[in-house]
Amino acid sequence: MQNFRNLEVWQLAHEVTLEVYRTTRTFSVDERFGLISQLRRAASSIGANLAEGCGRGSDADFGRFVQTALGSASEVEYHLLLAKDLNYLEAESHLRLESTIQRIKRMLASLLKKLRTST
């Protein structure tokens, strides 16, 4: 069992989650139970799944949680695009967050590949 806080991908995912929370404070109140909620849940799900997976007993179990985190990262990617297209998110902020999400996705894919080859 490893400490999730030591994973670079978890650290990056946590930073994105904090940024998503800060950014969504400026969204329309109409989106409180829609886009804001969906984006925050998807973003926090990345780190939460990595944390839960680290507490599992095997690489195969951990891999399932990494796969779920990868799906959540893709969901964040879509919600960020939607927020930009609805003019809730400026292009510069979108680009910065999108770039970080892409990096997270690459890191998760690499971790997943490593876990699958070790089992």
PDB file of N, CA and C in Angstrom:
ATOM      1  N   MET A   1       0.853  -1.177   0.000  1.00  0.00           N
ATOM      2  CA  MET A   1       0.000   0.000   0.000  1.00  0.00           C
ATOM      3  C   MET A   1       0.900   1.242   0.000  1.00  0.00           C
ATOM      4  N   GLN A   2       0.609   2.162  -0.897  1.00  0.00           N
ATOM      5  CA  GLN A   2       1.420   3.374  -0.984  1.00  0.00           C
ATOM      6  C   GLN A   2       0.601   4.593  -0.568  1.00  0.00           C
ATOM      7  N   ASN A   3       1.283   5.654  -0.230  1.00  0.00           N
ATOM      8  CA  ASN A   3       0.628   6.894   0.143  1.00  0.00           C
ATOM      9  C   ASN A   3       0.289   7.662  -1.136  1.00  0.00           C
ATOM     10  N   PHE A   4      -0.994   7.910  -1.351  1.00  0.00           N
ATOM     11  CA  PHE A   4      -1.426   8.597  -2.574  1.00  0.00           C
ATOM     12  C   PHE A   4      -0.810   9.975  -2.708  1.00  0.00           C
ATOM     13  N   ARG A   5      -0.512  10.615  -1.589  1.00  0.00           N
ATOM     14  CA  ARG A   5       0.061  11.969  -1.635  1.00  0.00           C
ATOM     15  C   ARG A   5       1.430  12.000  -2.310  1.00  0.00           C
ATOM     16  N   ASN A   6       2.083  10.851  -2.369  1.00  0.00           N
ATOM     17  CA  ASN A   6       3.404  10.777  -3.002  1.00  0.00           C
ATOM     18  C   ASN A   6       3.333  10.637  -4.516  1.00  0.00           C
ATOM     19  N   LEU A   7       2.152  10.377  -5.053  1.00  0.00           N
ATOM     20  CA  LEU A   7       1.999  10.240  -6.505  1.00  0.00           C
ATOM     21  C   LEU A   7       1.970  11.619  -7.159  1.00  0.00           C
ATOM     22  N   GLU A   8       2.865  11.845  -8.099  1.00  0.00           N
ATOM     23  CA  GLU A   8       2.895  13.133  -8.806  1.00  0.00           C
ATOM     24  C   GLU A   8       1.564  13.405  -9.505  1.00  0.00           C
ATOM     25  N   VAL A   9       0.951  12.374 -10.067  1.00  0.00           N
ATOM     26  CA  VAL A   9      -0.319  12.558 -10.769  1.00  0.00           C
ATOM     27  C   VAL A   9      -1.424  12.957  -9.787  1.00  0.00           C
ATOM     28  N   TRP A  10      -1.390  12.430  -8.571  1.00  0.00           N
ATOM     29  CA  TRP A  10      -2.380  12.840  -7.574  1.00  0.00           C
ATOM     30  C   TRP A  10      -2.169  14.310  -7.210  1.00  0.00           C
ATOM     31  N   GLN A  11      -0.915  14.712  -7.015  1.00  0.00           N
ATOM     32  CA  GLN A  11      -0.610  16.102  -6.667  1.00  0.00           C
ATOM     33  C   GLN A  11      -1.132  17.058  -7.737  1.00  0.00           C
ATOM     34  N   LEU A  12      -0.924  16.697  -8.989  1.00  0.00           N
ATOM     35  CA  LEU A  12      -1.393  17.526 -10.099  1.00  0.00           C
ATOM     36  C   LEU A  12      -2.922  17.544 -10.156  1.00  0.00           C
ATOM     37  N   ALA A  13      -3.530  16.391  -9.952  1.00  0.00           N
ATOM     38  CA  ALA A  13      -4.996  16.306  -9.953  1.00  0.00           C
ATOM     39  C   ALA A  13      -5.583  17.145  -8.820  1.00  0.00           C
ATOM     40  N   HIS A  14      -4.933  17.132  -7.675  1.00  0.00           N
ATOM     41  CA  HIS A  14      -5.408  17.926  -6.541  1.00  0.00           C
ATOM     42  C   HIS A  14      -5.332  19.422  -6.865  1.00  0.00           C
ATOM     43  N   GLU A  15      -4.243  19.844  -7.489  1.00  0.00           N
ATOM     44  CA  GLU A  15      -4.109  21.249  -7.891  1.00  0.00           C
ATOM     45  C   GLU A  15      -5.197  21.644  -8.889  1.00  0.00           C
ATOM     46  N   VAL A  16      -5.494  20.768  -9.839  1.00  0.00           N
ATOM     47  CA  VAL A  16      -6.563  21.054 -10.808  1.00  0.00           C
ATOM     48  C   VAL A  16      -7.901  21.175 -10.095  1.00  0.00           C
ATOM     49  N   THR A  17      -8.150  20.298  -9.143  1.00  0.00           N
ATOM     50  CA  THR A  17      -9.409  20.351  -8.400  1.00  0.00           C
ATOM     51  C   THR A  17      -9.545  21.678  -7.667  1.00  0.00           C
ATOM     52  N   LEU A  18      -8.483  22.110  -7.014  1.00  0.00           N
ATOM     53  CA  LEU A  18      -8.522  23.401  -6.322  1.00  0.00           C
ATOM     54  C   LEU A  18      -8.786  24.538  -7.304  1.00  0.00           C
ATOM     55  N   GLU A  19      -8.138  24.485  -8.464  1.00  0.00           N
ATOM     56  CA  GLU A  19      -8.341  25.519  -9.486  1.00  0.00           C
ATOM     57  C   GLU A  19      -9.770  25.488 -10.026  1.00  0.00           C
ATOM     58  N   VAL A  20     -10.314  24.303 -10.214  1.00  0.00           N
ATOM     59  CA  VAL A  20     -11.704  24.181 -10.680  1.00  0.00           C
ATOM     60  C   VAL A  20     -12.653  24.804  -9.655  1.00  0.00           C
ATOM     61  N   TYR A  21     -12.440  24.542  -8.384  1.00  0.00           N
ATOM     62  CA  TYR A  21     -13.293  25.139  -7.349  1.00  0.00           C
ATOM     63  C   TYR A  21     -13.187  26.661  -7.371  1.00  0.00           C
ATOM     64  N   ARG A  22     -11.971  27.178  -7.489  1.00  0.00           N
ATOM     65  CA  ARG A  22     -11.792  28.642  -7.538  1.00  0.00           C
ATOM     66  C   ARG A  22     -12.469  29.229  -8.776  1.00  0.00           C
ATOM     67  N   THR A  23     -12.269  28.587  -9.911  1.00  0.00           N
ATOM     68  CA  THR A  23     -12.785  29.095 -11.180  1.00  0.00           C
ATOM     69  C   THR A  23     -14.305  29.063 -11.229  1.00  0.00           C
ATOM     70  N   THR A  24     -14.905  28.001 -10.727  1.00  0.00           N
ATOM     71  CA  THR A  24     -16.364  27.868 -10.834  1.00  0.00           C
ATOM     72  C   THR A  24     -17.113  28.809  -9.899  1.00  0.00           C
ATOM     73  N   ARG A  25     -16.415  29.451  -8.977  1.00  0.00           N
ATOM     74  CA  ARG A  25     -17.066  30.461  -8.129  1.00  0.00           C
ATOM     75  C   ARG A  25     -17.615  31.617  -8.960  1.00  0.00           C
ATOM     76  N   THR A  26     -17.031  31.838 -10.129  1.00  0.00           N
ATOM     77  CA  THR A  26     -17.454  32.966 -10.963  1.00  0.00           C
ATOM     78  C   THR A  26     -18.552  32.588 -11.961  1.00  0.00           C
ATOM     79  N   PHE A  27     -18.920  31.306 -12.020  1.00  0.00           N
ATOM     80  CA  PHE A  27     -19.958  30.867 -12.962  1.00  0.00           C
ATOM     81  C   PHE A  27     -21.323  31.387 -12.513  1.00  0.00           C
ATOM     82  N   SER A  28     -22.252  31.411 -13.429  1.00  0.00           N
ATOM     83  CA  SER A  28     -23.616  31.836 -13.142  1.00  0.00           C
ATOM     84  C   SER A  28     -24.233  30.976 -12.043  1.00  0.00           C
ATOM     85  N   VAL A  29     -24.978  31.624 -11.154  1.00  0.00           N
ATOM     86  CA  VAL A  29     -25.691  30.916 -10.087  1.00  0.00           C
ATOM     87  C   VAL A  29     -26.641  29.867 -10.675  1.00  0.00           C
ATOM     88  N   ASP A  30     -27.125  30.112 -11.879  1.00  0.00           N
ATOM     89  CA  ASP A  30     -28.011  29.145 -12.545  1.00  0.00           C
ATOM     90  C   ASP A  30     -27.341  27.789 -12.727  1.00  0.00           C
ATOM     91  N   GLU A  31     -26.020  27.763 -12.728  1.00  0.00           N
ATOM     92  CA  GLU A  31     -25.268  26.523 -12.954  1.00  0.00           C
ATOM     93  C   GLU A  31     -24.868  25.807 -11.664  1.00  0.00           C
ATOM     94  N   ARG A  32     -25.361  26.307 -10.524  1.00  0.00           N
ATOM     95  CA  ARG A  32     -24.969  25.730  -9.238  1.00  0.00           C
ATOM     96  C   ARG A  32     -25.205  24.223  -9.184  1.00  0.00           C
ATOM     97  N   PHE A  33     -26.353  23.774  -9.663  1.00  0.00           N
ATOM     98  CA  PHE A  33     -26.684  22.348  -9.605  1.00  0.00           C
ATOM     99  C   PHE A  33     -26.455  21.652 -10.940  1.00  0.00           C
ATOM    100  N   GLY A  34     -25.903  22.379 -11.891  1.00  0.00           N
ATOM    101  CA  GLY A  34     -25.616  21.816 -13.206  1.00  0.00           C
ATOM    102  C   GLY A  34     -24.124  21.721 -13.434  1.00  0.00           C
ATOM    103  N   LEU A  35     -23.629  22.604 -14.262  1.00  0.00           N
ATOM    104  CA  LEU A  35     -22.233  22.552 -14.691  1.00  0.00           C
ATOM    105  C   LEU A  35     -21.244  22.675 -13.528  1.00  0.00           C
ATOM    106  N   ILE A  36     -21.515  23.557 -12.589  1.00  0.00           N
ATOM    107  CA  ILE A  36     -20.599  23.721 -11.450  1.00  0.00           C
ATOM    108  C   ILE A  36     -20.465  22.404 -10.691  1.00  0.00           C
ATOM    109  N   SER A  37     -21.599  21.821 -10.365  1.00  0.00           N
ATOM    110  CA  SER A  37     -21.599  20.564  -9.619  1.00  0.00           C
ATOM    111  C   SER A  37     -20.915  19.443 -10.392  1.00  0.00           C
ATOM    112  N   GLN A  38     -21.235  19.315 -11.668  1.00  0.00           N
ATOM    113  CA  GLN A  38     -20.650  18.255 -12.489  1.00  0.00           C
ATOM    114  C   GLN A  38     -19.138  18.413 -12.620  1.00  0.00           C
ATOM    115  N   LEU A  39     -18.693  19.632 -12.865  1.00  0.00           N
ATOM    116  CA  LEU A  39     -17.263  19.888 -13.044  1.00  0.00           C
ATOM    117  C   LEU A  39     -16.490  19.645 -11.750  1.00  0.00           C
ATOM    118  N   ARG A  40     -17.035  20.106 -10.646  1.00  0.00           N
ATOM    119  CA  ARG A  40     -16.368  19.899  -9.361  1.00  0.00           C
ATOM    120  C   ARG A  40     -16.308  18.420  -8.991  1.00  0.00           C
ATOM    121  N   ARG A  41     -17.402  17.712  -9.194  1.00  0.00           N
ATOM    122  CA  ARG A  41     -17.418  16.284  -8.854  1.00  0.00           C
ATOM    123  C   ARG A  41     -16.448  15.494  -9.728  1.00  0.00           C
ATOM    124  N   ALA A  42     -16.429  15.788 -11.016  1.00  0.00           N
ATOM    125  CA  ALA A  42     -15.528  15.064 -11.921  1.00  0.00           C
ATOM    126  C   ALA A  42     -14.071  15.355 -11.575  1.00  0.00           C
ATOM    127  N   ALA A  43     -13.766  16.622 -11.285  1.00  0.00           N
ATOM    128  CA  ALA A  43     -12.383  16.988 -10.948  1.00  0.00           C
ATOM    129  C   ALA A  43     -11.939  16.311  -9.655  1.00  0.00           C
ATOM    130  N   SER A  44     -12.777  16.361  -8.629  1.00  0.00           N
ATOM    131  CA  SER A  44     -12.382  15.751  -7.357  1.00  0.00           C
ATOM    132  C   SER A  44     -12.336  14.233  -7.447  1.00  0.00           C
ATOM    133  N   SER A  45     -13.071  13.666  -8.380  1.00  0.00           N
ATOM    134  CA  SER A  45     -13.082  12.217  -8.569  1.00  0.00           C
ATOM    135  C   SER A  45     -11.727  11.681  -9.028  1.00  0.00           C
ATOM    136  N   ILE A  46     -10.971  12.477  -9.755  1.00  0.00           N
ATOM    137  CA  ILE A  46      -9.653  12.020 -10.227  1.00  0.00           C
ATOM    138  C   ILE A  46      -8.770  11.685  -9.025  1.00  0.00           C
ATOM    139  N   GLY A  47      -8.577  12.660  -8.156  1.00  0.00           N
ATOM    140  CA  GLY A  47      -7.740  12.447  -6.978  1.00  0.00           C
ATOM    141  C   GLY A  47      -8.330  11.452  -6.000  1.00  0.00           C
ATOM    142  N   ALA A  48      -9.653  11.481  -5.838  1.00  0.00           N
ATOM    143  CA  ALA A  48     -10.305  10.561  -4.901  1.00  0.00           C
ATOM    144  C   ALA A  48     -10.126   9.110  -5.331  1.00  0.00           C
ATOM    145  N   ASN A  49     -10.233   8.847  -6.621  1.00  0.00           N
ATOM    146  CA  ASN A  49     -10.047   7.480  -7.102  1.00  0.00           C
ATOM    147  C   ASN A  49      -8.607   7.023  -6.954  1.00  0.00           C
ATOM    148  N   LEU A  50      -7.665   7.916  -7.159  1.00  0.00           N
ATOM    149  CA  LEU A  50      -6.262   7.558  -6.938  1.00  0.00           C
ATOM    150  C   LEU A  50      -6.017   7.253  -5.461  1.00  0.00           C
ATOM    151  N   ALA A  51      -6.598   8.063  -4.582  1.00  0.00           N
ATOM    152  CA  ALA A  51      -6.437   7.830  -3.146  1.00  0.00           C
ATOM    153  C   ALA A  51      -7.046   6.492  -2.740  1.00  0.00           C
ATOM    154  N   GLU A  52      -8.253   6.228  -3.202  1.00  0.00           N
ATOM    155  CA  GLU A  52      -8.900   4.961  -2.853  1.00  0.00           C
ATOM    156  C   GLU A  52      -8.136   3.776  -3.428  1.00  0.00           C
ATOM    157  N   GLY A  53      -7.685   3.906  -4.659  1.00  0.00           N
ATOM    158  CA  GLY A  53      -6.936   2.825  -5.291  1.00  0.00           C
ATOM    159  C   GLY A  53      -5.646   2.499  -4.568  1.00  0.00           C
ATOM    160  N   CYS A  54      -4.997   3.525  -4.018  1.00  0.00           N
ATOM    161  CA  CYS A  54      -3.759   3.290  -3.269  1.00  0.00           C
ATOM    162  C   CYS A  54      -4.009   2.452  -2.019  1.00  0.00           C
ATOM    163  N   GLY A  55      -5.219   2.494  -1.519  1.00  0.00           N
ATOM    164  CA  GLY A  55      -5.556   1.724  -0.333  1.00  0.00           C
ATOM    165  C   GLY A  55      -5.941   0.286  -0.627  1.00  0.00           C
ATOM    166  N   ARG A  56      -5.957  -0.084  -1.873  1.00  0.00           N
ATOM    167  CA  ARG A  56      -6.316  -1.453  -2.258  1.00  0.00           C
ATOM    168  C   ARG A  56      -5.108  -2.366  -2.176  1.00  0.00           C
ATOM    169  N   GLY A  57      -5.378  -3.656  -2.151  1.00  0.00           N
ATOM    170  CA  GLY A  57      -4.325  -4.619  -1.883  1.00  0.00           C
ATOM    171  C   GLY A  57      -3.500  -5.075  -3.060  1.00  0.00           C
ATOM    172  N   SER A  58      -3.927  -4.791  -4.273  1.00  0.00           N
ATOM    173  CA  SER A  58      -3.178  -5.318  -5.419  1.00  0.00           C
ATOM    174  C   SER A  58      -3.069  -4.281  -6.527  1.00  0.00           C
ATOM    175  N   ASP A  59      -2.108  -4.518  -7.422  1.00  0.00           N
ATOM    176  CA  ASP A  59      -1.959  -3.647  -8.589  1.00  0.00           C
ATOM    177  C   ASP A  59      -3.192  -3.700  -9.475  1.00  0.00           C
ATOM    178  N   ALA A  60      -3.817  -4.875  -9.569  1.00  0.00           N
ATOM    179  CA  ALA A  60      -5.021  -5.008 -10.398  1.00  0.00           C
ATOM    180  C   ALA A  60      -6.151  -4.149  -9.841  1.00  0.00           C
ATOM    181  N   ASP A  61      -6.333  -4.170  -8.518  1.00  0.00           N
ATOM    182  CA  ASP A  61      -7.358  -3.326  -7.894  1.00  0.00           C
ATOM    183  C   ASP A  61      -7.036  -1.850  -8.104  1.00  0.00           C
ATOM    184  N   PHE A  62      -5.790  -1.489  -7.868  1.00  0.00           N
ATOM    185  CA  PHE A  62      -5.371  -0.106  -8.054  1.00  0.00           C
ATOM    186  C   PHE A  62      -5.617   0.321  -9.501  1.00  0.00           C
ATOM    187  N   GLY A  63      -5.311  -0.551 -10.442  1.00  0.00           N
ATOM    188  CA  GLY A  63      -5.504  -0.253 -11.859  1.00  0.00           C
ATOM    189  C   GLY A  63      -6.938   0.094 -12.206  1.00  0.00           C
ATOM    190  N   ARG A  64      -7.887  -0.580 -11.569  1.00  0.00           N
ATOM    191  CA  ARG A  64      -9.306  -0.268 -11.830  1.00  0.00           C
ATOM    192  C   ARG A  64      -9.634   1.165 -11.406  1.00  0.00           C
ATOM    193  N   PHE A  65      -9.061   1.595 -10.302  1.00  0.00           N
ATOM    194  CA  PHE A  65      -9.304   2.962  -9.842  1.00  0.00           C
ATOM    195  C   PHE A  65      -8.578   3.986 -10.713  1.00  0.00           C
ATOM    196  N   VAL A  66      -7.416   3.633 -11.206  1.00  0.00           N
ATOM    197  CA  VAL A  66      -6.699   4.507 -12.138  1.00  0.00           C
ATOM    198  C   VAL A  66      -7.521   4.664 -13.414  1.00  0.00           C
ATOM    199  N   GLN A  67      -8.129   3.578 -13.876  1.00  0.00           N
ATOM    200  CA  GLN A  67      -8.981   3.627 -15.071  1.00  0.00           C
ATOM    201  C   GLN A  67     -10.171   4.559 -14.848  1.00  0.00           C
ATOM    202  N   THR A  68     -10.775   4.478 -13.668  1.00  0.00           N
ATOM    203  CA  THR A  68     -11.893   5.363 -13.339  1.00  0.00           C
ATOM    204  C   THR A  68     -11.430   6.816 -13.284  1.00  0.00           C
ATOM    205  N   ALA A  69     -10.257   7.054 -12.713  1.00  0.00           N
ATOM    206  CA  ALA A  69      -9.700   8.410 -12.662  1.00  0.00           C
ATOM    207  C   ALA A  69      -9.479   8.953 -14.067  1.00  0.00           C
ATOM    208  N   LEU A  70      -9.043   8.096 -14.971  1.00  0.00           N
ATOM    209  CA  LEU A  70      -8.841   8.501 -16.368  1.00  0.00           C
ATOM    210  C   LEU A  70     -10.171   8.905 -17.005  1.00  0.00           C
ATOM    211  N   GLY A  71     -11.219   8.151 -16.721  1.00  0.00           N
ATOM    212  CA  GLY A  71     -12.547   8.515 -17.214  1.00  0.00           C
ATOM    213  C   GLY A  71     -13.011   9.849 -16.655  1.00  0.00           C
ATOM    214  N   SER A  72     -12.750  10.086 -15.384  1.00  0.00           N
ATOM    215  CA  SER A  72     -13.118  11.363 -14.766  1.00  0.00           C
ATOM    216  C   SER A  72     -12.343  12.516 -15.384  1.00  0.00           C
ATOM    217  N   ALA A  73     -11.090  12.292 -15.716  1.00  0.00           N
ATOM    218  CA  ALA A  73     -10.290  13.337 -16.366  1.00  0.00           C
ATOM    219  C   ALA A  73     -10.884  13.700 -17.725  1.00  0.00           C
ATOM    220  N   SER A  74     -11.359  12.702 -18.448  1.00  0.00           N
ATOM    221  CA  SER A  74     -12.009  12.976 -19.739  1.00  0.00           C
ATOM    222  C   SER A  74     -13.302  13.749 -19.539  1.00  0.00           C
ATOM    223  N   GLU A  75     -14.021  13.434 -18.466  1.00  0.00           N
ATOM    224  CA  GLU A  75     -15.247  14.170 -18.160  1.00  0.00           C
ATOM    225  C   GLU A  75     -14.925  15.632 -17.847  1.00  0.00           C
ATOM    226  N   VAL A  76     -13.885  15.872 -17.081  1.00  0.00           N
ATOM    227  CA  VAL A  76     -13.459  17.245 -16.782  1.00  0.00           C
ATOM    228  C   VAL A  76     -13.113  17.970 -18.075  1.00  0.00           C
ATOM    229  N   GLU A  77     -12.413  17.288 -18.946  1.00  0.00           N
ATOM    230  CA  GLU A  77     -12.031  17.872 -20.237  1.00  0.00           C
ATOM    231  C   GLU A  77     -13.267  18.375 -20.989  1.00  0.00           C
ATOM    232  N   TYR A  78     -14.313  17.559 -21.026  1.00  0.00           N
ATOM    233  CA  TYR A  78     -15.541  17.976 -21.711  1.00  0.00           C
ATOM    234  C   TYR A  78     -16.203  19.152 -20.999  1.00  0.00           C
ATOM    235  N   HIS A  79     -16.329  19.075 -19.678  1.00  0.00           N
ATOM    236  CA  HIS A  79     -17.006  20.145 -18.939  1.00  0.00           C
ATOM    237  C   HIS A  79     -16.260  21.472 -19.063  1.00  0.00           C
ATOM    238  N   LEU A  80     -14.940  21.419 -19.138  1.00  0.00           N
ATOM    239  CA  LEU A  80     -14.170  22.652 -19.353  1.00  0.00           C
ATOM    240  C   LEU A  80     -14.467  23.249 -20.724  1.00  0.00           C
ATOM    241  N   LEU A  81     -14.553  22.396 -21.732  1.00  0.00           N
ATOM    242  CA  LEU A  81     -14.901  22.861 -23.077  1.00  0.00           C
ATOM    243  C   LEU A  81     -16.293  23.486 -23.081  1.00  0.00           C
ATOM    244  N   LEU A  82     -17.232  22.831 -22.422  1.00  0.00           N
ATOM    245  CA  LEU A  82     -18.594  23.358 -22.341  1.00  0.00           C
ATOM    246  C   LEU A  82     -18.605  24.715 -21.637  1.00  0.00           C
ATOM    247  N   ALA A  83     -17.877  24.821 -20.534  1.00  0.00           N
ATOM    248  CA  ALA A  83     -17.815  26.090 -19.794  1.00  0.00           C
ATOM    249  C   ALA A  83     -17.242  27.203 -20.664  1.00  0.00           C
ATOM    250  N   LYS A  84     -16.227  26.878 -21.451  1.00  0.00           N
ATOM    251  CA  LYS A  84     -15.647  27.878 -22.360  1.00  0.00           C
ATOM    252  C   LYS A  84     -16.664  28.280 -23.420  1.00  0.00           C
ATOM    253  N   ASP A  85     -17.330  27.294 -24.013  1.00  0.00           N
ATOM    254  CA  ASP A  85     -18.291  27.581 -25.078  1.00  0.00           C
ATOM    255  C   ASP A  85     -19.513  28.343 -24.574  1.00  0.00           C
ATOM    256  N   LEU A  86     -19.823  28.207 -23.288  1.00  0.00           N
ATOM    257  CA  LEU A  86     -20.929  28.959 -22.690  1.00  0.00           C
ATOM    258  C   LEU A  86     -20.468  30.309 -22.137  1.00  0.00           C
ATOM    259  N   ASN A  87     -19.200  30.633 -22.374  1.00  0.00           N
ATOM    260  CA  ASN A  87     -18.594  31.899 -21.935  1.00  0.00           C
ATOM    261  C   ASN A  87     -18.516  32.048 -20.418  1.00  0.00           C
ATOM    262  N   TYR A  88     -18.435  30.937 -19.701  1.00  0.00           N
ATOM    263  CA  TYR A  88     -18.191  30.975 -18.262  1.00  0.00           C
ATOM    264  C   TYR A  88     -16.697  30.932 -17.971  1.00  0.00           C
ATOM    265  N   LEU A  89     -15.931  30.467 -18.935  1.00  0.00           N
ATOM    266  CA  LEU A  89     -14.498  30.272 -18.759  1.00  0.00           C
ATOM    267  C   LEU A  89     -13.768  30.970 -19.898  1.00  0.00           C
ATOM    268  N   GLU A  90     -12.838  31.847 -19.549  1.00  0.00           N
ATOM    269  CA  GLU A  90     -12.067  32.553 -20.571  1.00  0.00           C
ATOM    270  C   GLU A  90     -11.132  31.585 -21.282  1.00  0.00           C
ATOM    271  N   ALA A  91     -10.811  31.917 -22.517  1.00  0.00           N
ATOM    272  CA  ALA A  91      -9.978  31.040 -23.346  1.00  0.00           C
ATOM    273  C   ALA A  91      -8.636  30.736 -22.685  1.00  0.00           C
ATOM    274  N   GLU A  92      -8.032  31.730 -22.057  1.00  0.00           N
ATOM    275  CA  GLU A  92      -6.730  31.528 -21.408  1.00  0.00           C
ATOM    276  C   GLU A  92      -6.830  30.531 -20.250  1.00  0.00           C
ATOM    277  N   SER A  93      -7.863  30.683 -19.435  1.00  0.00           N
ATOM    278  CA  SER A  93      -8.073  29.747 -18.324  1.00  0.00           C
ATOM    279  C   SER A  93      -8.361  28.350 -18.843  1.00  0.00           C
ATOM    280  N   HIS A  94      -9.173  28.284 -19.892  1.00  0.00           N
ATOM    281  CA  HIS A  94      -9.485  26.982 -20.485  1.00  0.00           C
ATOM    282  C   HIS A  94      -8.216  26.308 -20.986  1.00  0.00           C
ATOM    283  N   LEU A  95      -7.393  27.053 -21.682  1.00  0.00           N
ATOM    284  CA  LEU A  95      -6.160  26.493 -22.237  1.00  0.00           C
ATOM    285  C   LEU A  95      -5.238  25.964 -21.136  1.00  0.00           C
ATOM    286  N   ARG A  96      -5.111  26.725 -20.062  1.00  0.00           N
ATOM    287  CA  ARG A  96      -4.250  26.316 -18.951  1.00  0.00           C
ATOM    288  C   ARG A  96      -4.779  25.032 -18.294  1.00  0.00           C
ATOM    289  N   LEU A  97      -6.074  25.009 -17.998  1.00  0.00           N
ATOM    290  CA  LEU A  97      -6.664  23.827 -17.366  1.00  0.00           C
ATOM    291  C   LEU A  97      -6.670  22.631 -18.308  1.00  0.00           C
ATOM    292  N   GLU A  98      -6.983  22.876 -19.561  1.00  0.00           N
ATOM    293  CA  GLU A  98      -7.003  21.809 -20.572  1.00  0.00           C
ATOM    294  C   GLU A  98      -5.619  21.173 -20.702  1.00  0.00           C
ATOM    295  N   SER A  99      -4.599  21.996 -20.717  1.00  0.00           N
ATOM    296  CA  SER A  99      -3.229  21.501 -20.825  1.00  0.00           C
ATOM    297  C   SER A  99      -2.877  20.612 -19.632  1.00  0.00           C
ATOM    298  N   THR A 100      -3.283  21.035 -18.455  1.00  0.00           N
ATOM    299  CA  THR A 100      -3.003  20.246 -17.256  1.00  0.00           C
ATOM    300  C   THR A 100      -3.778  18.935 -17.267  1.00  0.00           C
ATOM    301  N   ILE A 101      -5.027  18.978 -17.701  1.00  0.00           N
ATOM    302  CA  ILE A 101      -5.830  17.749 -17.792  1.00  0.00           C
ATOM    303  C   ILE A 101      -5.201  16.779 -18.788  1.00  0.00           C
ATOM    304  N   GLN A 102      -4.708  17.293 -19.900  1.00  0.00           N
ATOM    305  CA  GLN A 102      -4.044  16.419 -20.875  1.00  0.00           C
ATOM    306  C   GLN A 102      -2.809  15.762 -20.259  1.00  0.00           C
ATOM    307  N   ARG A 103      -2.079  16.524 -19.480  1.00  0.00           N
ATOM    308  CA  ARG A 103      -0.894  15.971 -18.804  1.00  0.00           C
ATOM    309  C   ARG A 103      -1.310  14.883 -17.816  1.00  0.00           C
ATOM    310  N   ILE A 104      -2.360  15.142 -17.063  1.00  0.00           N
ATOM    311  CA  ILE A 104      -2.874  14.150 -16.110  1.00  0.00           C
ATOM    312  C   ILE A 104      -3.295  12.885 -16.843  1.00  0.00           C
ATOM    313  N   LYS A 105      -3.979  13.036 -17.959  1.00  0.00           N
ATOM    314  CA  LYS A 105      -4.428  11.865 -18.720  1.00  0.00           C
ATOM    315  C   LYS A 105      -3.244  11.038 -19.219  1.00  0.00           C
ATOM    316  N   ARG A 106      -2.202  11.711 -19.673  1.00  0.00           N
ATOM    317  CA  ARG A 106      -1.005  10.980 -20.115  1.00  0.00           C
ATOM    318  C   ARG A 106      -0.356  10.233 -18.949  1.00  0.00           C
ATOM    319  N   MET A 107      -0.288  10.893 -17.811  1.00  0.00           N
ATOM    320  CA  MET A 107       0.309  10.268 -16.633  1.00  0.00           C
ATOM    321  C   MET A 107      -0.516   9.065 -16.168  1.00  0.00           C
ATOM    322  N   LEU A 108      -1.832   9.208 -16.181  1.00  0.00           N
ATOM    323  CA  LEU A 108      -2.703   8.103 -15.777  1.00  0.00           C
ATOM    324  C   LEU A 108      -2.581   6.930 -16.742  1.00  0.00           C
ATOM    325  N   ALA A 109      -2.532   7.230 -18.030  1.00  0.00           N
ATOM    326  CA  ALA A 109      -2.394   6.162 -19.032  1.00  0.00           C
ATOM    327  C   ALA A 109      -1.074   5.426 -18.845  1.00  0.00           C
ATOM    328  N   SER A 110      -0.018   6.160 -18.555  1.00  0.00           N
ATOM    329  CA  SER A 110       1.288   5.553 -18.327  1.00  0.00           C
ATOM    330  C   SER A 110       1.276   4.687 -17.066  1.00  0.00           C
ATOM    331  N   LEU A 111       0.668   5.194 -16.009  1.00  0.00           N
ATOM    332  CA  LEU A 111       0.562   4.436 -14.766  1.00  0.00           C
ATOM    333  C   LEU A 111      -0.252   3.165 -14.976  1.00  0.00           C
ATOM    334  N   LEU A 112      -1.343   3.288 -15.704  1.00  0.00           N
ATOM    335  CA  LEU A 112      -2.191   2.132 -15.982  1.00  0.00           C
ATOM    336  C   LEU A 112      -1.432   1.070 -16.770  1.00  0.00           C
ATOM    337  N   LYS A 113      -0.679   1.511 -17.748  1.00  0.00           N
ATOM    338  CA  LYS A 113       0.118   0.572 -18.547  1.00  0.00           C
ATOM    339  C   LYS A 113       1.136  -0.152 -17.667  1.00  0.00           C
ATOM    340  N   LYS A 114       1.782   0.599 -16.792  1.00  0.00           N
ATOM    341  CA  LYS A 114       2.764   0.009 -15.874  1.00  0.00           C
ATOM    342  C   LYS A 114       2.102  -1.019 -14.959  1.00  0.00           C
ATOM    343  N   LEU A 115       0.930  -0.679 -14.440  1.00  0.00           N
ATOM    344  CA  LEU A 115       0.227  -1.599 -13.541  1.00  0.00           C
ATOM    345  C   LEU A 115      -0.202  -2.869 -14.266  1.00  0.00           C
ATOM    346  N   ARG A 116      -0.632  -2.718 -15.494  1.00  0.00           N
ATOM    347  CA  ARG A 116      -1.097  -3.887 -16.259  1.00  0.00           C
ATOM    348  C   ARG A 116       0.047  -4.814 -16.643  1.00  0.00           C
ATOM    349  N   THR A 117       1.231  -4.264 -16.854  1.00  0.00           N
ATOM    350  CA  THR A 117       2.365  -5.121 -17.222  1.00  0.00           C
ATOM    351  C   THR A 117       2.991  -5.785 -15.999  1.00  0.00           C
ATOM    352  N   SER A 118       2.687  -5.259 -14.811  1.00  0.00           N
ATOM    353  CA  SER A 118       3.262  -5.845 -13.596  1.00  0.00           C
ATOM    354  C   SER A 118       2.409  -6.974 -13.028  1.00  0.00           C
ATOM    355  N   THR A 119       1.207  -7.162 -13.578  1.00  0.00           N
ATOM    356  CA  THR A 119       0.333  -8.223 -13.042  1.00  0.00           C
ATOM    357  C   THR A 119       0.389  -9.474 -13.873  1.00  0.00           C
TER     358      THR A 119
END
